[in-house]
Amino acid sequence: MPQRELPPHQPPPSGALVIVHSDDTLVVIDKPAGLLSVPGRGPDKADNAARRVQATFADALIVHRLDMATSGLLLLARGAEMQRALSRLFESREVSKHYEARVSGLIEQDHGEIDLPLAADWPQRPRQRVDHVHGKPSLTRYRVLSRDTTNDSTRVLLQPVTGRSHQLRVHLQAIGHPIEGDALYAPPDAAAMHPRLMLHATRLELHHPLTGAPLSLCSAAPF
């Protein structure tokens, strides 16, 4: 299979980041689509969410990442000790993450699970693929929010139980419903019809690592 070309790199969106929550322990921002979570390779990919947050919170450190094309809630720790504590919460799956997406086609079931192992597709990096031999266990839960019969699309709420690279994008493609605007996994003609990847990290729920109090943060999908 020929390698699929990546879309040309576009300058990241300008403007101040939206701070959804901040305290002495952590910062949560609403990352715009098109902005890297951390620096990429090359001077044209130096601008990133972590660096912008550090301009205001000098001790901010990344805990998890969102794909450049994905928008929504991104959590950073205040200092190395809190980075370790928050990373442990993610590793032990004590952080609940929800995403909203618009996908091609009408998903038949109102809710369900996608349980397919994923691995890197090395000949076509950075793509990932379903791999039943070498793939790592990967589980996504979904719930249909609405169906648009006119445009043949479905709005769906996604909960990744595991956190594999491109997990939501590959899982939706694997069941025949690629996320609209996905330059890597949707058919090229279909991807070109949308200005961005229609995937947004809409909710984060965790217990505050310092106080133990429940923390629930939300961001409405901008599409």
C-alpha atoms as a PDB file:
ATOM      1  CA  MET A   1       0.000   0.000   0.000  1.00  0.00           C
ATOM      2  CA  PRO A   2       1.500   3.399  -0.896  1.00  0.00           C
ATOM      3  CA  GLN A   3       2.283   5.724   1.986  1.00  0.00           C
ATOM      4  CA  ARG A   4      -0.409   8.279   2.548  1.00  0.00           C
ATOM      5  CA  GLU A   5       0.922  11.802   2.492  1.00  0.00           C
ATOM      6  CA  LEU A   6       0.479  14.032   5.512  1.00  0.00           C
ATOM      7  CA  PRO A   7      -1.287  17.337   4.936  1.00  0.00           C
ATOM      8  CA  PRO A   8       1.087  20.310   4.652  1.00  0.00           C
ATOM      9  CA  HIS A   9       1.992  21.834   8.013  1.00  0.00           C
ATOM     10  CA  GLN A  10      -0.040  24.935   8.770  1.00  0.00           C
ATOM     11  CA  PRO A  11       0.946  27.655  11.221  1.00  0.00           C
ATOM     12  CA  PRO A  12      -0.661  27.021  14.628  1.00  0.00           C
ATOM     13  CA  PRO A  13      -3.609  29.204  15.592  1.00  0.00           C
ATOM     14  CA  SER A  14      -2.654  32.457  17.257  1.00  0.00           C
ATOM     15  CA  GLY A  15      -4.242  34.093  20.251  1.00  0.00           C
ATOM     16  CA  ALA A  16      -4.303  33.494  23.992  1.00  0.00           C
ATOM     17  CA  LEU A  17      -5.158  30.047  25.282  1.00  0.00           C
ATOM     18  CA  VAL A  18      -8.404  29.556  27.160  1.00  0.00           C
ATOM     19  CA  ILE A  19      -7.649  28.549  30.768  1.00  0.00           C
ATOM     20  CA  VAL A  20     -10.499  26.319  31.959  1.00  0.00           C
ATOM     21  CA  HIS A  21      -9.091  25.721  35.444  1.00  0.00           C
ATOM     22  CA  SER A  22      -5.927  26.612  37.343  1.00  0.00           C
ATOM     23  CA  ASP A  23      -4.679  26.223  40.896  1.00  0.00           C
ATOM     24  CA  ASP A  24      -1.374  25.570  42.661  1.00  0.00           C
ATOM     25  CA  THR A  25      -1.422  21.939  41.495  1.00  0.00           C
ATOM     26  CA  LEU A  26      -2.617  21.832  37.910  1.00  0.00           C
ATOM     27  CA  VAL A  27      -3.762  23.791  34.875  1.00  0.00           C
ATOM     28  CA  VAL A  28      -6.381  22.741  32.335  1.00  0.00           C
ATOM     29  CA  ILE A  29      -6.613  24.533  29.005  1.00  0.00           C
ATOM     30  CA  ASP A  30      -8.928  24.319  26.019  1.00  0.00           C
ATOM     31  CA  LYS A  31      -6.398  23.492  23.291  1.00  0.00           C
ATOM     32  CA  PRO A  32      -7.362  24.681  19.810  1.00  0.00           C
ATOM     33  CA  ALA A  33      -7.157  22.346  16.829  1.00  0.00           C
ATOM     34  CA  GLY A  34      -3.910  22.810  14.933  1.00  0.00           C
ATOM     35  CA  LEU A  35      -1.704  23.411  17.989  1.00  0.00           C
ATOM     36  CA  LEU A  36       0.794  20.765  19.090  1.00  0.00           C
ATOM     37  CA  SER A  37       0.654  19.619  22.719  1.00  0.00           C
ATOM     38  CA  VAL A  38       4.477  19.457  22.891  1.00  0.00           C
ATOM     39  CA  PRO A  39       7.235  20.551  20.478  1.00  0.00           C
ATOM     40  CA  GLY A  40       7.562  18.691  17.193  1.00  0.00           C
ATOM     41  CA  ARG A  41      10.617  18.223  15.013  1.00  0.00           C
ATOM     42  CA  GLY A  42      11.872  21.315  13.257  1.00  0.00           C
ATOM     43  CA  PRO A  43      11.677  25.043  13.997  1.00  0.00           C
ATOM     44  CA  ASP A  44       8.253  25.311  12.348  1.00  0.00           C
ATOM     45  CA  LYS A  45       6.859  23.009  15.055  1.00  0.00           C
ATOM     46  CA  ALA A  46       8.352  24.746  18.071  1.00  0.00           C
ATOM     47  CA  ASP A  47       5.120  26.492  19.080  1.00  0.00           C
ATOM     48  CA  ASN A  48       3.043  24.247  21.323  1.00  0.00           C
ATOM     49  CA  ALA A  49       0.487  24.244  24.128  1.00  0.00           C
ATOM     50  CA  ALA A  50       2.960  23.426  26.894  1.00  0.00           C
ATOM     51  CA  ARG A  51       5.230  26.304  25.912  1.00  0.00           C
ATOM     52  CA  ARG A  52       2.339  28.769  25.786  1.00  0.00           C
ATOM     53  CA  VAL A  53       1.090  27.679  29.213  1.00  0.00           C
ATOM     54  CA  GLN A  54       4.613  28.032  30.637  1.00  0.00           C
ATOM     55  CA  ALA A  55       4.582  31.700  29.658  1.00  0.00           C
ATOM     56  CA  THR A  56       2.018  32.178  32.456  1.00  0.00           C
ATOM     57  CA  PHE A  57       2.738  29.176  34.695  1.00  0.00           C
ATOM     58  CA  ALA A  58       6.496  28.644  34.501  1.00  0.00           C
ATOM     59  CA  ASP A  59       6.359  25.300  36.350  1.00  0.00           C
ATOM     60  CA  ALA A  60       3.683  23.756  34.092  1.00  0.00           C
ATOM     61  CA  LEU A  61       4.556  20.282  32.781  1.00  0.00           C
ATOM     62  CA  ILE A  62       2.651  18.124  30.325  1.00  0.00           C
ATOM     63  CA  VAL A  63       0.835  15.056  31.713  1.00  0.00           C
ATOM     64  CA  HIS A  64      -1.030  13.737  28.666  1.00  0.00           C
ATOM     65  CA  ARG A  65      -1.310  14.792  25.041  1.00  0.00           C
ATOM     66  CA  LEU A  66      -3.896  15.519  22.407  1.00  0.00           C
ATOM     67  CA  ASP A  67      -3.178  15.068  18.707  1.00  0.00           C
ATOM     68  CA  MET A  68      -2.389  18.355  17.001  1.00  0.00           C
ATOM     69  CA  ALA A  69      -5.639  18.093  15.016  1.00  0.00           C
ATOM     70  CA  THR A  70      -7.742  17.407  18.135  1.00  0.00           C
ATOM     71  CA  SER A  71      -9.116  20.259  20.227  1.00  0.00           C
ATOM     72  CA  GLY A  72     -10.272  20.330  23.813  1.00  0.00           C
ATOM     73  CA  LEU A  73      -9.248  19.801  27.412  1.00  0.00           C
ATOM     74  CA  LEU A  74      -5.536  19.334  28.066  1.00  0.00           C
ATOM     75  CA  LEU A  75      -4.183  18.951  31.594  1.00  0.00           C
ATOM     76  CA  LEU A  76      -0.759  20.119  32.791  1.00  0.00           C
ATOM     77  CA  ALA A  77       0.823  19.685  36.217  1.00  0.00           C
ATOM     78  CA  ARG A  78       2.388  22.428  38.339  1.00  0.00           C
ATOM     79  CA  GLY A  79       5.850  21.010  39.073  1.00  0.00           C
ATOM     80  CA  ALA A  80       7.531  17.615  38.806  1.00  0.00           C
ATOM     81  CA  GLU A  81       5.940  16.138  41.950  1.00  0.00           C
ATOM     82  CA  MET A  82       2.433  16.875  40.722  1.00  0.00           C
ATOM     83  CA  GLN A  83       3.376  15.630  37.245  1.00  0.00           C
ATOM     84  CA  ARG A  84       4.268  12.256  38.775  1.00  0.00           C
ATOM     85  CA  ALA A  85       1.078  12.177  40.858  1.00  0.00           C
ATOM     86  CA  LEU A  86      -1.174  13.042  37.899  1.00  0.00           C
ATOM     87  CA  SER A  87       0.657  10.629  35.609  1.00  0.00           C
ATOM     88  CA  ARG A  88      -0.061   7.847  38.093  1.00  0.00           C
ATOM     89  CA  LEU A  89      -3.767   8.715  37.967  1.00  0.00           C
ATOM     90  CA  PHE A  90      -3.745   8.406  34.177  1.00  0.00           C
ATOM     91  CA  GLU A  91      -1.757   5.155  34.275  1.00  0.00           C
ATOM     92  CA  SER A  92      -4.154   3.595  36.793  1.00  0.00           C
ATOM     93  CA  ARG A  93      -7.145   4.793  34.718  1.00  0.00           C
ATOM     94  CA  GLU A  94      -8.467   7.004  37.502  1.00  0.00           C
ATOM     95  CA  VAL A  95      -8.985   9.867  35.042  1.00  0.00           C
ATOM     96  CA  SER A  96     -12.172   9.687  32.987  1.00  0.00           C
ATOM     97  CA  LYS A  97     -11.827  11.256  29.531  1.00  0.00           C
ATOM     98  CA  HIS A  98     -14.692  11.895  27.136  1.00  0.00           C
ATOM     99  CA  TYR A  99     -14.522  13.124  23.566  1.00  0.00           C
ATOM    100  CA  GLU A 100     -17.176  14.270  21.143  1.00  0.00           C
ATOM    101  CA  ALA A 101     -16.829  13.451  17.455  1.00  0.00           C
ATOM    102  CA  ARG A 102     -18.737  13.687  14.226  1.00  0.00           C
ATOM    103  CA  VAL A 103     -18.264  10.587  12.104  1.00  0.00           C
ATOM    104  CA  SER A 104     -19.204   9.517   8.601  1.00  0.00           C
ATOM    105  CA  GLY A 105     -22.254   7.306   8.240  1.00  0.00           C
ATOM    106  CA  LEU A 106     -25.036   6.361  10.631  1.00  0.00           C
ATOM    107  CA  ILE A 107     -23.873   4.239  13.560  1.00  0.00           C
ATOM    108  CA  GLU A 108     -26.555   1.616  14.015  1.00  0.00           C
ATOM    109  CA  GLN A 109     -26.226   0.815  17.716  1.00  0.00           C
ATOM    110  CA  ASP A 110     -27.010   3.511  20.278  1.00  0.00           C
ATOM    111  CA  HIS A 111     -24.015   2.477  22.391  1.00  0.00           C
ATOM    112  CA  GLY A 112     -21.296  -0.117  22.420  1.00  0.00           C
ATOM    113  CA  GLU A 113     -17.612  -0.932  22.736  1.00  0.00           C
ATOM    114  CA  ILE A 114     -14.770  -1.168  20.227  1.00  0.00           C
ATOM    115  CA  ASP A 115     -12.239  -3.702  21.500  1.00  0.00           C
ATOM    116  CA  LEU A 116      -9.459  -3.935  18.907  1.00  0.00           C
ATOM    117  CA  PRO A 117      -5.681  -4.140  19.544  1.00  0.00           C
ATOM    118  CA  LEU A 118      -3.586  -1.362  18.034  1.00  0.00           C
ATOM    119  CA  ALA A 119       0.015  -1.080  16.872  1.00  0.00           C
ATOM    120  CA  ALA A 120       2.161   1.365  14.926  1.00  0.00           C
ATOM    121  CA  ASP A 121       1.902   1.078  11.144  1.00  0.00           C
ATOM    122  CA  TRP A 122       5.660   1.522  10.644  1.00  0.00           C
ATOM    123  CA  PRO A 123       5.688   1.776   6.827  1.00  0.00           C
ATOM    124  CA  GLN A 124       3.116   4.585   7.076  1.00  0.00           C
ATOM    125  CA  ARG A 125       4.206   6.462  10.190  1.00  0.00           C
ATOM    126  CA  PRO A 126       2.607   8.178  12.117  1.00  0.00           C
ATOM    127  CA  ARG A 127      -0.407   6.032  11.267  1.00  0.00           C
ATOM    128  CA  GLN A 128      -1.566   3.287  13.626  1.00  0.00           C
ATOM    129  CA  ARG A 129      -3.470   0.152  12.671  1.00  0.00           C
ATOM    130  CA  VAL A 130      -5.488  -2.724  14.078  1.00  0.00           C
ATOM    131  CA  ASP A 131      -3.046  -5.602  14.665  1.00  0.00           C
ATOM    132  CA  HIS A 132      -4.380  -8.808  16.213  1.00  0.00           C
ATOM    133  CA  VAL A 133      -0.872 -10.312  16.471  1.00  0.00           C
ATOM    134  CA  HIS A 134       1.352  -7.518  17.761  1.00  0.00           C
ATOM    135  CA  GLY A 135      -1.165  -4.883  18.861  1.00  0.00           C
ATOM    136  CA  LYS A 136      -1.716  -3.685  22.424  1.00  0.00           C
ATOM    137  CA  PRO A 137      -5.190  -4.153  23.955  1.00  0.00           C
ATOM    138  CA  SER A 138      -7.294  -1.059  23.223  1.00  0.00           C
ATOM    139  CA  LEU A 139     -10.852  -0.345  24.313  1.00  0.00           C
ATOM    140  CA  THR A 140     -13.194   2.506  23.407  1.00  0.00           C
ATOM    141  CA  ARG A 141     -16.753   2.943  24.645  1.00  0.00           C
ATOM    142  CA  TYR A 142     -19.207   5.022  22.643  1.00  0.00           C
ATOM    143  CA  ARG A 143     -22.716   6.458  22.865  1.00  0.00           C
ATOM    144  CA  VAL A 144     -24.607   7.994  19.956  1.00  0.00           C
ATOM    145  CA  LEU A 145     -25.729  11.551  20.646  1.00  0.00           C
ATOM    146  CA  SER A 146     -27.582  12.194  17.382  1.00  0.00           C
ATOM    147  CA  ARG A 147     -27.833  11.007  13.787  1.00  0.00           C
ATOM    148  CA  ASP A 148     -27.979  13.325  10.774  1.00  0.00           C
ATOM    149  CA  THR A 149     -29.689  11.413   7.993  1.00  0.00           C
ATOM    150  CA  THR A 150     -29.466  14.370   5.601  1.00  0.00           C
ATOM    151  CA  ASN A 151     -25.660  14.511   5.772  1.00  0.00           C
ATOM    152  CA  ASP A 152     -25.176  10.814   6.586  1.00  0.00           C
ATOM    153  CA  SER A 153     -23.231  11.457   9.766  1.00  0.00           C
ATOM    154  CA  THR A 154     -23.409  10.656  13.476  1.00  0.00           C
ATOM    155  CA  ARG A 155     -22.461  12.713  16.514  1.00  0.00           C
ATOM    156  CA  VAL A 156     -21.009  10.388  19.128  1.00  0.00           C
ATOM    157  CA  LEU A 157     -19.595  10.577  22.656  1.00  0.00           C
ATOM    158  CA  LEU A 158     -16.400   8.545  23.051  1.00  0.00           C
ATOM    159  CA  GLN A 159     -14.700   7.254  26.186  1.00  0.00           C
ATOM    160  CA  PRO A 160     -11.243   5.752  25.656  1.00  0.00           C
ATOM    161  CA  VAL A 161     -10.593   3.233  28.434  1.00  0.00           C
ATOM    162  CA  THR A 162      -7.026   2.776  27.213  1.00  0.00           C
ATOM    163  CA  GLY A 163      -4.896   5.598  25.846  1.00  0.00           C
ATOM    164  CA  ARG A 164      -3.210   4.387  22.657  1.00  0.00           C
ATOM    165  CA  SER A 165      -1.933   6.758  20.009  1.00  0.00           C
ATOM    166  CA  HIS A 166      -4.716   7.697  17.556  1.00  0.00           C
ATOM    167  CA  GLN A 167      -6.972   5.187  19.346  1.00  0.00           C
ATOM    168  CA  LEU A 168     -10.292   6.919  18.713  1.00  0.00           C
ATOM    169  CA  ARG A 169      -9.443   7.704  15.102  1.00  0.00           C
ATOM    170  CA  VAL A 170      -8.379   4.135  14.258  1.00  0.00           C
ATOM    171  CA  HIS A 171     -11.219   2.483  16.184  1.00  0.00           C
ATOM    172  CA  LEU A 172     -13.881   4.558  14.432  1.00  0.00           C
ATOM    173  CA  GLN A 173     -12.304   3.896  11.054  1.00  0.00           C
ATOM    174  CA  ALA A 174     -12.155   0.169  11.842  1.00  0.00           C
ATOM    175  CA  ILE A 175     -15.930  -0.044  12.359  1.00  0.00           C
ATOM    176  CA  GLY A 176     -16.569   1.828   9.119  1.00  0.00           C
ATOM    177  CA  HIS A 177     -17.253   5.288  10.576  1.00  0.00           C
ATOM    178  CA  PRO A 178     -14.100   7.439  10.239  1.00  0.00           C
ATOM    179  CA  ILE A 179     -14.097  10.770  12.012  1.00  0.00           C
ATOM    180  CA  GLU A 180     -14.967  13.555   9.591  1.00  0.00           C
ATOM    181  CA  GLY A 181     -12.037  15.711   8.532  1.00  0.00           C
ATOM    182  CA  ASP A 182      -9.453  13.063   9.443  1.00  0.00           C
ATOM    183  CA  ALA A 183      -6.552  13.583   7.036  1.00  0.00           C
ATOM    184  CA  LEU A 184      -4.950  10.273   8.048  1.00  0.00           C
ATOM    185  CA  TYR A 185      -7.825   7.817   8.342  1.00  0.00           C
ATOM    186  CA  ALA A 186     -10.838   9.136   6.412  1.00  0.00           C
ATOM    187  CA  PRO A 187     -10.999   8.720   2.619  1.00  0.00           C
ATOM    188  CA  PRO A 188      -9.078  11.672   1.090  1.00  0.00           C
ATOM    189  CA  ASP A 189     -12.100  13.131  -0.683  1.00  0.00           C
ATOM    190  CA  ALA A 190     -14.173  12.969   2.486  1.00  0.00           C
ATOM    191  CA  ALA A 191     -11.405  14.427   4.663  1.00  0.00           C
ATOM    192  CA  ALA A 192     -11.026  17.391   2.330  1.00  0.00           C
ATOM    193  CA  MET A 193     -14.693  18.322   2.810  1.00  0.00           C
ATOM    194  CA  HIS A 194     -14.067  19.530   6.389  1.00  0.00           C
ATOM    195  CA  PRO A 195     -11.824  22.317   7.686  1.00  0.00           C
ATOM    196  CA  ARG A 196     -10.573  20.284  10.647  1.00  0.00           C
ATOM    197  CA  LEU A 197     -10.700  16.950  12.446  1.00  0.00           C
ATOM    198  CA  MET A 198     -14.129  16.732  14.071  1.00  0.00           C
ATOM    199  CA  LEU A 199     -12.833  15.460  17.415  1.00  0.00           C
ATOM    200  CA  HIS A 200     -12.925  17.399  20.690  1.00  0.00           C
ATOM    201  CA  ALA A 201     -11.898  16.437  24.239  1.00  0.00           C
ATOM    202  CA  THR A 202     -15.054  17.557  25.965  1.00  0.00           C
ATOM    203  CA  ARG A 203     -14.810  16.301  29.566  1.00  0.00           C
ATOM    204  CA  LEU A 204     -12.171  15.396  32.176  1.00  0.00           C
ATOM    205  CA  GLU A 205     -13.072  13.880  35.531  1.00  0.00           C
ATOM    206  CA  LEU A 206     -10.613  13.032  38.301  1.00  0.00           C
ATOM    207  CA  HIS A 207      -9.988  13.371  42.007  1.00  0.00           C
ATOM    208  CA  HIS A 208      -7.763  16.318  42.767  1.00  0.00           C
ATOM    209  CA  PRO A 209      -4.313  14.878  43.581  1.00  0.00           C
ATOM    210  CA  LEU A 210      -3.849  17.240  46.554  1.00  0.00           C
ATOM    211  CA  THR A 211      -7.307  17.518  48.122  1.00  0.00           C
ATOM    212  CA  GLY A 212      -8.987  14.344  46.872  1.00  0.00           C
ATOM    213  CA  ALA A 213     -12.055  16.365  45.911  1.00  0.00           C
ATOM    214  CA  PRO A 214     -13.804  15.372  42.661  1.00  0.00           C
ATOM    215  CA  LEU A 215     -12.908  17.633  39.758  1.00  0.00           C
ATOM    216  CA  SER A 216     -15.078  17.676  36.650  1.00  0.00           C
ATOM    217  CA  LEU A 217     -14.190  19.973  33.751  1.00  0.00           C
ATOM    218  CA  CYS A 218     -16.156  20.462  30.542  1.00  0.00           C
ATOM    219  CA  SER A 219     -15.687  22.120  27.158  1.00  0.00           C
ATOM    220  CA  ALA A 220     -18.378  22.232  24.487  1.00  0.00           C
ATOM    221  CA  ALA A 221     -17.427  20.925  21.055  1.00  0.00           C
ATOM    222  CA  PRO A 222     -16.923  23.841  18.617  1.00  0.00           C
ATOM    223  CA  PHE A 223     -18.499  21.999  15.680  1.00  0.00           C
END
